[in-house]
Amino acid sequence: MRVPLLTLALLLGLAACGTDGAPKYSGTTPTPEELYGQCAFCHNDIAVNLIATGGHGNPDFRCEFCHGEDLTPGTVGPGHRNVPACMDCHQDQMTHHDPAAGTKQECTVCHTPHGSSNLYLVNEQVTTPSGAIHDVQFTMLAGLADGGLASASDPGTGLCETCHTRTEFYRSDGTGAQHFTFPCFTCHPHTLGFSPRP
């Protein structure tokens, strides 16, 4: 006999639930299960990261906000829900050298929907077009500053620099000419795929 995860968790004393069957907040710091319900029993690492980083830009978002009922049951796996594409909500943005463009993974080379210590849900590690994996610290919107788009003390490690190999400015190998020090997206907006404004 198969026992639903939430029922099993209750039997084992892992969650406290109300009459609606959803885990309820019971202490000073809510557990992942209390905040994200049954999803957190299997996807605990994602739920923990959502709590630690504030999640997808809105602390009121719950898993079902993006992962609603799938219109084609079974496509994600038995009992699972829809996996949306980023572009379902973010149509005004354009990708930039994204190998997953046009798929549900579009945007996830640079961003994670499940929370990041970086601004704008930028991944803490980015895989460059050459296949190398680089740690990324993006904690301020400055153009030329540590934690910004181009690093002041460690050239080549800033968010924009991480992938650039053939640009004239701020390359990943730490070379390239100096350029404006204000944020790159001032002239290279995300809505244009980071192409320069006309």
N, C-alpha and C. Protein backbone atom coordinates (compact mmCIF):
# COMPACT_ATOMS: atom_id res chain seq x y z
N MET A 1 0.85 -1.18 0.00
CA MET A 1 0.00 0.00 0.00
C MET A 1 0.89 1.25 0.00
N ARG A 2 0.59 2.20 -0.86
CA ARG A 2 1.35 3.44 -0.93
C ARG A 2 0.71 4.48 -0.02
N VAL A 3 1.55 5.16 0.78
CA VAL A 3 1.08 6.19 1.70
C VAL A 3 1.54 7.54 1.17
N PRO A 4 0.62 8.52 0.99
CA PRO A 4 1.03 9.85 0.52
C PRO A 4 2.11 10.43 1.42
N LEU A 5 3.02 11.21 0.82
CA LEU A 5 4.15 11.77 1.56
C LEU A 5 3.72 12.58 2.77
N LEU A 6 2.69 13.41 2.59
CA LEU A 6 2.25 14.25 3.70
C LEU A 6 1.71 13.40 4.84
N THR A 7 0.94 12.34 4.51
CA THR A 7 0.41 11.45 5.53
C THR A 7 1.54 10.74 6.25
N LEU A 8 2.53 10.26 5.49
CA LEU A 8 3.69 9.60 6.07
C LEU A 8 4.44 10.54 7.00
N ALA A 9 4.61 11.79 6.57
CA ALA A 9 5.32 12.77 7.39
C ALA A 9 4.57 13.01 8.70
N LEU A 10 3.24 13.06 8.63
CA LEU A 10 2.45 13.26 9.84
C LEU A 10 2.59 12.09 10.79
N LEU A 11 2.54 10.87 10.23
CA LEU A 11 2.68 9.67 11.05
C LEU A 11 4.03 9.63 11.74
N LEU A 12 5.05 10.11 11.06
CA LEU A 12 6.40 10.11 11.63
C LEU A 12 6.66 11.34 12.50
N GLY A 13 5.68 12.23 12.59
CA GLY A 13 5.83 13.42 13.41
C GLY A 13 6.72 14.49 12.79
N LEU A 14 6.83 14.51 11.47
CA LEU A 14 7.71 15.48 10.82
C LEU A 14 7.02 16.79 10.50
N ALA A 15 5.71 16.85 10.57
CA ALA A 15 5.01 18.09 10.25
C ALA A 15 3.74 18.19 11.07
N ALA A 16 3.35 19.41 11.35
CA ALA A 16 2.09 19.66 12.03
C ALA A 16 1.13 20.26 11.02
N CYS A 17 -0.04 19.65 10.88
CA CYS A 17 -0.98 20.12 9.85
C CYS A 17 -2.28 20.57 10.46
N GLY A 18 -2.95 21.47 9.74
CA GLY A 18 -4.26 21.93 10.13
C GLY A 18 -5.33 21.07 9.46
N THR A 19 -6.57 21.49 9.55
CA THR A 19 -7.67 20.70 9.01
C THR A 19 -7.65 20.62 7.49
N ASP A 20 -6.97 21.56 6.84
CA ASP A 20 -6.90 21.52 5.38
C ASP A 20 -5.78 20.60 4.88
N GLY A 21 -5.03 20.00 5.82
CA GLY A 21 -3.97 19.07 5.43
C GLY A 21 -2.65 19.73 5.11
N ALA A 22 -2.61 21.07 5.12
CA ALA A 22 -1.37 21.78 4.81
C ALA A 22 -0.55 21.97 6.08
N PRO A 23 0.78 21.82 5.99
CA PRO A 23 1.61 22.07 7.17
C PRO A 23 1.39 23.49 7.69
N LYS A 24 1.38 23.63 8.99
CA LYS A 24 1.14 24.93 9.61
C LYS A 24 2.38 25.40 10.37
N TYR A 25 2.56 26.70 10.40
CA TYR A 25 3.66 27.34 11.12
C TYR A 25 3.51 27.05 12.61
N SER A 26 4.57 26.53 13.23
CA SER A 26 4.43 26.13 14.64
C SER A 26 5.57 26.61 15.53
N GLY A 27 6.43 27.46 15.04
CA GLY A 27 7.54 27.90 15.86
C GLY A 27 8.03 29.26 15.45
N THR A 28 9.21 29.66 15.96
CA THR A 28 9.73 30.97 15.63
C THR A 28 10.31 31.02 14.22
N THR A 29 10.86 29.91 13.74
CA THR A 29 11.37 29.83 12.38
C THR A 29 10.64 28.72 11.66
N PRO A 30 9.87 29.06 10.61
CA PRO A 30 9.12 28.01 9.93
C PRO A 30 10.05 27.03 9.22
N THR A 31 9.65 25.78 9.20
CA THR A 31 10.41 24.77 8.47
C THR A 31 10.06 24.88 6.99
N PRO A 32 10.88 24.32 6.11
CA PRO A 32 10.52 24.32 4.69
C PRO A 32 9.15 23.69 4.44
N GLU A 33 8.87 22.62 5.18
CA GLU A 33 7.58 21.94 5.01
C GLU A 33 6.42 22.83 5.42
N GLU A 34 6.62 23.62 6.49
CA GLU A 34 5.56 24.51 6.94
C GLU A 34 5.29 25.61 5.93
N LEU A 35 6.33 26.08 5.24
CA LEU A 35 6.15 27.13 4.26
C LEU A 35 5.71 26.60 2.90
N TYR A 36 6.31 25.50 2.48
CA TYR A 36 6.09 25.04 1.10
C TYR A 36 5.34 23.73 1.01
N GLY A 37 4.88 23.20 2.13
CA GLY A 37 4.00 22.04 2.11
C GLY A 37 4.66 20.77 1.61
N GLN A 38 3.85 19.93 1.03
CA GLN A 38 4.26 18.60 0.61
C GLN A 38 5.43 18.63 -0.37
N CYS A 39 5.53 19.65 -1.19
CA CYS A 39 6.63 19.75 -2.16
C CYS A 39 7.99 19.68 -1.46
N ALA A 40 8.08 20.27 -0.26
CA ALA A 40 9.36 20.36 0.45
C ALA A 40 9.83 19.02 0.99
N PHE A 41 8.97 18.03 1.08
CA PHE A 41 9.42 16.74 1.58
C PHE A 41 10.39 16.08 0.60
N CYS A 42 10.15 16.24 -0.69
CA CYS A 42 11.07 15.68 -1.69
C CYS A 42 12.07 16.72 -2.20
N HIS A 43 11.62 17.96 -2.27
CA HIS A 43 12.44 19.03 -2.84
C HIS A 43 12.95 19.93 -1.72
N ASN A 44 13.47 19.31 -0.66
CA ASN A 44 13.87 20.06 0.53
C ASN A 44 15.00 21.03 0.25
N ASP A 45 15.97 20.64 -0.58
CA ASP A 45 17.10 21.54 -0.86
C ASP A 45 16.62 22.81 -1.55
N ILE A 46 15.64 22.70 -2.43
CA ILE A 46 15.08 23.88 -3.10
C ILE A 46 14.32 24.74 -2.08
N ALA A 47 13.51 24.10 -1.24
CA ALA A 47 12.73 24.83 -0.25
C ALA A 47 13.64 25.56 0.75
N VAL A 48 14.71 24.91 1.19
CA VAL A 48 15.65 25.54 2.11
C VAL A 48 16.29 26.76 1.45
N ASN A 49 16.66 26.63 0.18
CA ASN A 49 17.26 27.75 -0.54
C ASN A 49 16.27 28.89 -0.73
N LEU A 50 15.01 28.56 -0.99
CA LEU A 50 13.98 29.60 -1.12
C LEU A 50 13.86 30.40 0.17
N ILE A 51 13.88 29.71 1.31
CA ILE A 51 13.78 30.40 2.60
C ILE A 51 15.01 31.25 2.84
N ALA A 52 16.19 30.71 2.56
CA ALA A 52 17.44 31.42 2.85
C ALA A 52 17.63 32.66 1.99
N THR A 53 17.16 32.62 0.75
CA THR A 53 17.44 33.71 -0.19
C THR A 53 16.24 34.59 -0.49
N GLY A 54 15.08 34.23 -0.02
CA GLY A 54 13.89 35.02 -0.30
C GLY A 54 13.17 34.56 -1.55
N GLY A 55 13.71 33.56 -2.23
CA GLY A 55 13.01 32.95 -3.35
C GLY A 55 12.89 33.80 -4.58
N HIS A 56 11.80 33.65 -5.27
CA HIS A 56 11.59 34.23 -6.58
C HIS A 56 11.08 35.67 -6.51
N GLY A 57 11.78 36.49 -5.74
CA GLY A 57 11.47 37.91 -5.73
C GLY A 57 10.25 38.30 -4.94
N ASN A 58 9.49 37.34 -4.44
CA ASN A 58 8.29 37.64 -3.67
C ASN A 58 8.12 36.55 -2.62
N PRO A 59 8.24 36.88 -1.35
CA PRO A 59 8.16 35.85 -0.31
C PRO A 59 6.79 35.18 -0.22
N ASP A 60 5.77 35.75 -0.87
CA ASP A 60 4.45 35.13 -0.84
C ASP A 60 4.28 34.07 -1.91
N PHE A 61 5.21 33.97 -2.85
CA PHE A 61 5.11 32.94 -3.87
C PHE A 61 5.25 31.57 -3.23
N ARG A 62 4.42 30.68 -3.61
CA ARG A 62 4.51 29.29 -3.18
C ARG A 62 4.74 28.45 -4.43
N CYS A 63 5.11 27.23 -4.25
CA CYS A 63 5.43 26.35 -5.39
C CYS A 63 4.32 26.36 -6.44
N GLU A 64 3.08 26.28 -5.97
CA GLU A 64 1.96 26.16 -6.90
C GLU A 64 1.73 27.43 -7.72
N PHE A 65 2.33 28.57 -7.32
CA PHE A 65 2.17 29.79 -8.11
C PHE A 65 2.73 29.58 -9.52
N CYS A 66 3.90 28.95 -9.59
CA CYS A 66 4.51 28.67 -10.90
C CYS A 66 4.24 27.25 -11.37
N HIS A 67 4.10 26.34 -10.42
CA HIS A 67 3.93 24.93 -10.77
C HIS A 67 2.49 24.51 -10.54
N GLY A 68 1.57 25.15 -11.29
CA GLY A 68 0.16 24.82 -11.19
C GLY A 68 -0.11 23.48 -11.86
N GLU A 69 -1.37 23.09 -11.88
CA GLU A 69 -1.73 21.81 -12.49
C GLU A 69 -1.25 21.74 -13.92
N ASP A 70 -0.66 20.64 -14.25
CA ASP A 70 -0.18 20.42 -15.62
C ASP A 70 -1.36 20.09 -16.52
N LEU A 71 -1.40 20.72 -17.68
CA LEU A 71 -2.48 20.45 -18.63
C LEU A 71 -2.33 19.09 -19.29
N THR A 72 -1.13 18.55 -19.26
CA THR A 72 -0.90 17.22 -19.83
C THR A 72 -0.31 16.33 -18.75
N PRO A 73 -1.17 15.71 -17.92
CA PRO A 73 -0.70 14.91 -16.79
C PRO A 73 0.31 13.85 -17.22
N GLY A 74 1.29 13.65 -16.35
CA GLY A 74 2.29 12.62 -16.60
C GLY A 74 3.51 13.10 -17.34
N THR A 75 3.51 14.34 -17.86
CA THR A 75 4.66 14.80 -18.63
C THR A 75 5.85 15.15 -17.74
N VAL A 76 5.61 15.44 -16.48
CA VAL A 76 6.69 15.74 -15.56
C VAL A 76 6.94 14.56 -14.64
N GLY A 77 6.02 13.64 -14.57
CA GLY A 77 6.13 12.47 -13.71
C GLY A 77 4.84 12.31 -12.92
N PRO A 78 4.55 11.12 -12.46
CA PRO A 78 3.29 10.87 -11.75
C PRO A 78 3.09 11.81 -10.57
N GLY A 79 1.95 12.45 -10.53
CA GLY A 79 1.59 13.31 -9.41
C GLY A 79 2.30 14.65 -9.38
N HIS A 80 3.07 14.97 -10.40
CA HIS A 80 3.78 16.23 -10.41
C HIS A 80 3.01 17.30 -11.18
N ARG A 81 3.56 18.49 -11.17
CA ARG A 81 2.85 19.63 -11.72
C ARG A 81 3.63 20.28 -12.85
N ASN A 82 3.05 21.27 -13.44
CA ASN A 82 3.61 21.97 -14.59
C ASN A 82 4.94 22.65 -14.28
N VAL A 83 5.85 22.60 -15.25
CA VAL A 83 7.10 23.36 -15.17
C VAL A 83 7.00 24.47 -16.21
N PRO A 84 6.80 25.72 -15.77
CA PRO A 84 6.62 26.80 -16.73
C PRO A 84 7.93 27.23 -17.37
N ALA A 85 7.82 27.90 -18.47
CA ALA A 85 8.99 28.55 -19.08
C ALA A 85 9.08 29.96 -18.51
N CYS A 86 10.30 30.45 -18.31
CA CYS A 86 10.48 31.81 -17.78
C CYS A 86 9.73 32.83 -18.64
N MET A 87 9.75 32.61 -19.94
CA MET A 87 9.14 33.56 -20.87
C MET A 87 7.61 33.60 -20.75
N ASP A 88 7.02 32.65 -20.03
CA ASP A 88 5.58 32.71 -19.80
C ASP A 88 5.22 33.99 -19.05
N CYS A 89 6.10 34.44 -18.16
CA CYS A 89 5.85 35.66 -17.38
C CYS A 89 6.77 36.82 -17.77
N HIS A 90 7.92 36.51 -18.34
CA HIS A 90 8.93 37.54 -18.59
C HIS A 90 9.13 37.76 -20.09
N GLN A 91 8.05 38.02 -20.80
CA GLN A 91 8.12 38.17 -22.25
C GLN A 91 8.93 39.38 -22.69
N ASP A 92 9.09 40.37 -21.80
CA ASP A 92 9.77 41.60 -22.22
C ASP A 92 11.29 41.47 -22.18
N GLN A 93 11.80 40.35 -21.68
CA GLN A 93 13.25 40.16 -21.62
C GLN A 93 13.72 39.36 -22.83
N MET A 94 14.99 39.52 -23.16
CA MET A 94 15.58 38.75 -24.26
C MET A 94 16.84 38.07 -23.76
N THR A 95 17.06 36.85 -24.21
CA THR A 95 18.25 36.13 -23.77
C THR A 95 19.48 36.61 -24.54
N HIS A 96 20.61 36.21 -24.04
CA HIS A 96 21.88 36.68 -24.55
C HIS A 96 22.81 35.48 -24.68
N HIS A 97 23.01 34.99 -25.88
CA HIS A 97 23.86 33.82 -26.12
C HIS A 97 23.42 32.64 -25.26
N ASP A 98 22.12 32.38 -25.22
CA ASP A 98 21.57 31.32 -24.38
C ASP A 98 21.42 30.04 -25.19
N PRO A 99 22.18 28.98 -24.87
CA PRO A 99 22.06 27.74 -25.64
C PRO A 99 20.71 27.07 -25.48
N ALA A 100 19.94 27.47 -24.46
CA ALA A 100 18.63 26.86 -24.23
C ALA A 100 17.49 27.73 -24.75
N ALA A 101 17.80 28.75 -25.55
CA ALA A 101 16.75 29.64 -26.07
C ALA A 101 15.67 28.84 -26.77
N GLY A 102 14.43 29.18 -26.47
CA GLY A 102 13.29 28.50 -27.08
C GLY A 102 12.83 27.26 -26.33
N THR A 103 13.52 26.87 -25.26
CA THR A 103 13.12 25.70 -24.47
C THR A 103 12.66 26.17 -23.10
N LYS A 104 12.16 25.25 -22.29
CA LYS A 104 11.75 25.60 -20.93
C LYS A 104 12.94 26.00 -20.06
N GLN A 105 14.16 25.61 -20.46
CA GLN A 105 15.35 25.96 -19.69
C GLN A 105 15.92 27.32 -20.09
N GLU A 106 15.28 27.99 -21.04
CA GLU A 106 15.75 29.32 -21.44
C GLU A 106 15.85 30.21 -20.21
N CYS A 107 16.89 30.97 -20.11
CA CYS A 107 17.18 31.90 -19.01
C CYS A 107 17.92 31.25 -17.85
N THR A 108 17.83 29.92 -17.69
CA THR A 108 18.40 29.28 -16.50
C THR A 108 19.91 29.09 -16.58
N VAL A 109 20.55 29.41 -17.71
CA VAL A 109 22.00 29.41 -17.75
C VAL A 109 22.51 30.51 -16.81
N CYS A 110 21.80 31.62 -16.77
CA CYS A 110 22.22 32.75 -15.94
C CYS A 110 21.38 32.93 -14.68
N HIS A 111 20.14 32.47 -14.69
CA HIS A 111 19.23 32.71 -13.56
C HIS A 111 18.69 31.41 -12.99
N THR A 112 18.30 31.45 -11.73
CA THR A 112 17.62 30.34 -11.10
C THR A 112 16.30 30.83 -10.52
N PRO A 113 15.20 30.14 -10.79
CA PRO A 113 13.93 30.58 -10.21
C PRO A 113 13.79 30.20 -8.73
N HIS A 114 14.73 29.41 -8.21
CA HIS A 114 14.60 28.87 -6.86
C HIS A 114 15.47 29.56 -5.83
N GLY A 115 15.80 30.82 -6.05
CA GLY A 115 16.51 31.61 -5.05
C GLY A 115 18.01 31.61 -5.22
N SER A 116 18.61 32.77 -4.99
CA SER A 116 20.05 32.96 -5.12
C SER A 116 20.48 34.07 -4.18
N SER A 117 21.72 33.99 -3.73
CA SER A 117 22.24 35.09 -2.91
C SER A 117 22.59 36.29 -3.78
N ASN A 118 22.56 36.12 -5.10
CA ASN A 118 22.83 37.20 -6.04
C ASN A 118 21.57 37.98 -6.36
N LEU A 119 21.76 39.20 -6.83
CA LEU A 119 20.63 40.02 -7.29
C LEU A 119 19.98 39.37 -8.52
N TYR A 120 18.72 39.66 -8.72
CA TYR A 120 17.97 39.23 -9.90
C TYR A 120 18.04 37.73 -10.15
N LEU A 121 18.13 36.95 -9.07
CA LEU A 121 18.17 35.49 -9.18
C LEU A 121 19.26 34.99 -10.11
N VAL A 122 20.37 35.73 -10.20
CA VAL A 122 21.50 35.29 -11.01
C VAL A 122 22.14 34.09 -10.31
N ASN A 123 22.41 33.04 -11.07
CA ASN A 123 23.02 31.84 -10.52
C ASN A 123 24.32 32.16 -9.79
N GLU A 124 24.62 31.40 -8.77
CA GLU A 124 25.87 31.56 -8.04
C GLU A 124 27.04 30.93 -8.80
N GLN A 125 26.72 30.06 -9.75
CA GLN A 125 27.71 29.52 -10.68
C GLN A 125 27.09 29.59 -12.08
N VAL A 126 27.89 30.03 -13.04
CA VAL A 126 27.42 30.17 -14.41
C VAL A 126 28.31 29.34 -15.32
N THR A 127 27.68 28.60 -16.23
CA THR A 127 28.43 27.84 -17.23
C THR A 127 28.58 28.73 -18.45
N THR A 128 29.82 29.01 -18.82
CA THR A 128 30.09 29.91 -19.95
C THR A 128 29.89 29.19 -21.27
N PRO A 129 29.81 29.91 -22.38
CA PRO A 129 29.65 29.26 -23.69
C PRO A 129 30.76 28.25 -23.99
N SER A 130 31.94 28.41 -23.38
CA SER A 130 33.04 27.46 -23.62
C SER A 130 32.90 26.21 -22.75
N GLY A 131 31.91 26.20 -21.85
CA GLY A 131 31.69 25.05 -20.99
C GLY A 131 32.33 25.15 -19.62
N ALA A 132 33.10 26.20 -19.37
CA ALA A 132 33.73 26.40 -18.06
C ALA A 132 32.67 26.87 -17.05
N ILE A 133 32.87 26.49 -15.80
CA ILE A 133 31.95 26.90 -14.73
C ILE A 133 32.66 27.94 -13.87
N HIS A 134 32.01 29.10 -13.71
CA HIS A 134 32.59 30.19 -12.93
C HIS A 134 31.67 30.57 -11.78
N ASP A 135 32.27 30.79 -10.60
CA ASP A 135 31.51 31.34 -9.48
C ASP A 135 31.18 32.78 -9.80
N VAL A 136 29.99 33.21 -9.44
CA VAL A 136 29.54 34.57 -9.71
C VAL A 136 29.03 35.20 -8.42
N GLN A 137 29.55 36.38 -8.13
CA GLN A 137 29.05 37.17 -7.01
C GLN A 137 28.51 38.47 -7.60
N PHE A 138 27.19 38.61 -7.56
CA PHE A 138 26.53 39.79 -8.12
C PHE A 138 25.64 40.38 -7.03
N THR A 139 26.23 41.27 -6.25
CA THR A 139 25.53 41.80 -5.09
C THR A 139 25.24 43.30 -5.17
N MET A 140 25.71 43.93 -6.26
CA MET A 140 25.42 45.36 -6.43
C MET A 140 25.28 45.68 -7.92
N LEU A 141 24.55 46.73 -8.22
CA LEU A 141 24.29 47.11 -9.60
C LEU A 141 25.37 47.98 -10.21
N ALA A 142 26.48 48.15 -9.53
CA ALA A 142 27.56 48.98 -10.04
C ALA A 142 28.18 48.36 -11.29
N GLY A 143 28.66 49.21 -12.17
CA GLY A 143 29.30 48.72 -13.39
C GLY A 143 30.67 48.16 -13.11
N LEU A 144 31.55 48.95 -12.52
CA LEU A 144 32.91 48.51 -12.21
C LEU A 144 33.10 48.54 -10.70
N ALA A 145 32.90 47.39 -10.06
CA ALA A 145 33.03 47.26 -8.60
C ALA A 145 32.99 45.79 -8.24
N ASP A 146 33.65 45.42 -7.19
CA ASP A 146 33.59 44.04 -6.73
C ASP A 146 32.14 43.70 -6.38
N GLY A 147 31.68 42.58 -6.88
CA GLY A 147 30.28 42.20 -6.70
C GLY A 147 29.37 42.83 -7.75
N GLY A 148 29.96 43.55 -8.70
CA GLY A 148 29.18 44.21 -9.74
C GLY A 148 29.30 43.50 -11.09
N LEU A 149 29.12 44.27 -12.13
CA LEU A 149 29.10 43.71 -13.49
C LEU A 149 30.51 43.49 -14.04
N ALA A 150 31.46 44.28 -13.61
CA ALA A 150 32.88 44.09 -13.92
C ALA A 150 33.64 44.28 -12.61
N SER A 151 34.54 43.37 -12.30
CA SER A 151 35.24 43.41 -11.02
C SER A 151 36.38 44.42 -11.04
N ALA A 152 36.46 45.20 -9.98
CA ALA A 152 37.54 46.19 -9.87
C ALA A 152 38.84 45.56 -9.41
N SER A 153 38.78 44.59 -8.50
CA SER A 153 40.01 44.02 -7.94
C SER A 153 40.43 42.70 -8.58
N ASP A 154 39.50 42.02 -9.25
CA ASP A 154 39.81 40.73 -9.87
C ASP A 154 39.23 40.72 -11.29
N PRO A 155 39.86 41.47 -12.21
CA PRO A 155 39.33 41.60 -13.57
C PRO A 155 39.03 40.24 -14.21
N GLY A 156 37.87 40.18 -14.84
CA GLY A 156 37.43 38.96 -15.50
C GLY A 156 36.42 38.16 -14.71
N THR A 157 36.15 38.53 -13.46
CA THR A 157 35.24 37.75 -12.63
C THR A 157 33.88 38.41 -12.41
N GLY A 158 33.69 39.62 -12.89
CA GLY A 158 32.39 40.28 -12.75
C GLY A 158 31.33 39.56 -13.58
N LEU A 159 30.08 39.83 -13.27
CA LEU A 159 28.99 39.12 -13.93
C LEU A 159 29.07 39.18 -15.46
N CYS A 160 29.19 40.37 -16.02
CA CYS A 160 29.24 40.48 -17.49
C CYS A 160 30.55 39.93 -18.05
N GLU A 161 31.63 40.13 -17.31
CA GLU A 161 32.95 39.68 -17.78
C GLU A 161 33.07 38.16 -17.86
N THR A 162 32.35 37.46 -17.01
CA THR A 162 32.52 36.02 -16.86
C THR A 162 32.55 35.27 -18.19
N CYS A 163 31.71 35.66 -19.13
CA CYS A 163 31.61 34.94 -20.41
C CYS A 163 32.36 35.61 -21.56
N HIS A 164 32.65 36.88 -21.45
CA HIS A 164 33.18 37.63 -22.59
C HIS A 164 34.61 37.23 -22.96
N THR A 165 34.79 36.80 -24.20
CA THR A 165 36.13 36.46 -24.69
C THR A 165 36.52 37.29 -25.90
N ARG A 166 35.53 37.80 -26.64
CA ARG A 166 35.82 38.53 -27.86
C ARG A 166 35.37 39.98 -27.84
N THR A 167 34.96 40.43 -26.67
CA THR A 167 34.50 41.82 -26.56
C THR A 167 35.71 42.76 -26.51
N GLU A 168 35.47 44.01 -26.79
CA GLU A 168 36.54 45.00 -26.74
C GLU A 168 36.85 45.39 -25.30
N PHE A 169 35.84 45.30 -24.44
CA PHE A 169 35.97 45.75 -23.05
C PHE A 169 35.73 44.60 -22.08
N TYR A 170 36.39 44.64 -20.93
CA TYR A 170 36.12 43.76 -19.80
C TYR A 170 35.97 42.28 -20.20
N ARG A 171 37.05 41.66 -20.58
CA ARG A 171 37.03 40.25 -20.99
C ARG A 171 37.23 39.32 -19.80
N SER A 172 36.84 38.04 -20.00
CA SER A 172 36.94 37.05 -18.94
C SER A 172 38.38 36.73 -18.54
N ASP A 173 39.33 36.99 -19.44
CA ASP A 173 40.73 36.73 -19.09
C ASP A 173 41.37 37.92 -18.38
N GLY A 174 40.56 38.93 -18.06
CA GLY A 174 41.06 40.09 -17.32
C GLY A 174 41.64 41.17 -18.20
N THR A 175 41.64 40.94 -19.53
CA THR A 175 42.16 41.95 -20.45
C THR A 175 41.00 42.75 -21.03
N GLY A 176 41.30 43.54 -22.01
CA GLY A 176 40.28 44.37 -22.64
C GLY A 176 40.37 45.79 -22.13
N ALA A 177 39.94 46.70 -22.95
CA ALA A 177 40.02 48.11 -22.61
C ALA A 177 39.06 48.47 -21.48
N GLN A 178 39.38 49.50 -20.76
CA GLN A 178 38.45 50.04 -19.76
C GLN A 178 37.29 50.69 -20.50
N HIS A 179 36.18 50.80 -19.82
CA HIS A 179 34.97 51.34 -20.44
C HIS A 179 34.25 52.16 -19.38
N PHE A 180 33.05 52.55 -19.63
CA PHE A 180 32.27 53.30 -18.65
C PHE A 180 32.18 52.50 -17.36
N THR A 181 32.10 53.19 -16.24
CA THR A 181 32.04 52.49 -14.95
C THR A 181 30.63 52.38 -14.40
N PHE A 182 29.64 52.97 -15.08
CA PHE A 182 28.27 52.81 -14.61
C PHE A 182 27.73 51.47 -15.12
N PRO A 183 26.57 51.02 -14.63
CA PRO A 183 26.07 49.70 -14.98
C PRO A 183 25.95 49.47 -16.49
N CYS A 184 26.41 48.30 -16.93
CA CYS A 184 26.41 47.95 -18.35
C CYS A 184 25.02 48.07 -18.98
N PHE A 185 23.98 47.68 -18.20
CA PHE A 185 22.63 47.66 -18.77
C PHE A 185 22.08 49.06 -19.02
N THR A 186 22.79 50.10 -18.61
CA THR A 186 22.38 51.46 -18.94
C THR A 186 22.33 51.61 -20.46
N CYS A 187 23.33 51.05 -21.13
CA CYS A 187 23.40 51.12 -22.59
C CYS A 187 23.09 49.78 -23.25
N HIS A 188 23.20 48.69 -22.49
CA HIS A 188 22.97 47.34 -23.01
C HIS A 188 21.84 46.69 -22.22
N PRO A 189 20.58 47.08 -22.47
CA PRO A 189 19.47 46.59 -21.64
C PRO A 189 19.11 45.12 -21.89
N HIS A 190 18.63 44.49 -20.85
CA HIS A 190 18.19 43.09 -20.93
C HIS A 190 17.08 42.94 -21.97
N THR A 191 16.24 43.95 -22.09
CA THR A 191 15.12 43.87 -23.05
C THR A 191 15.60 43.83 -24.50
N LEU A 192 16.86 44.18 -24.74
CA LEU A 192 17.43 44.08 -26.09
C LEU A 192 18.44 42.94 -26.17
N GLY A 193 18.40 42.03 -25.20
CA GLY A 193 19.36 40.94 -25.19
C GLY A 193 20.77 41.44 -24.96
N PHE A 194 20.91 42.57 -24.29
CA PHE A 194 22.17 43.22 -23.96
C PHE A 194 22.88 43.80 -25.19
N SER A 195 22.17 43.91 -26.28
CA SER A 195 22.72 44.63 -27.44
C SER A 195 22.72 46.11 -27.09
N PRO A 196 23.60 46.90 -27.70
CA PRO A 196 23.60 48.34 -27.38
C PRO A 196 22.32 49.01 -27.86
N ARG A 197 21.91 50.01 -27.11
CA ARG A 197 20.73 50.77 -27.53
C ARG A 197 20.98 51.40 -28.90
N PRO A 198 19.96 51.47 -29.76
CA PRO A 198 20.16 52.08 -31.08
C PRO A 198 20.41 53.57 -30.96
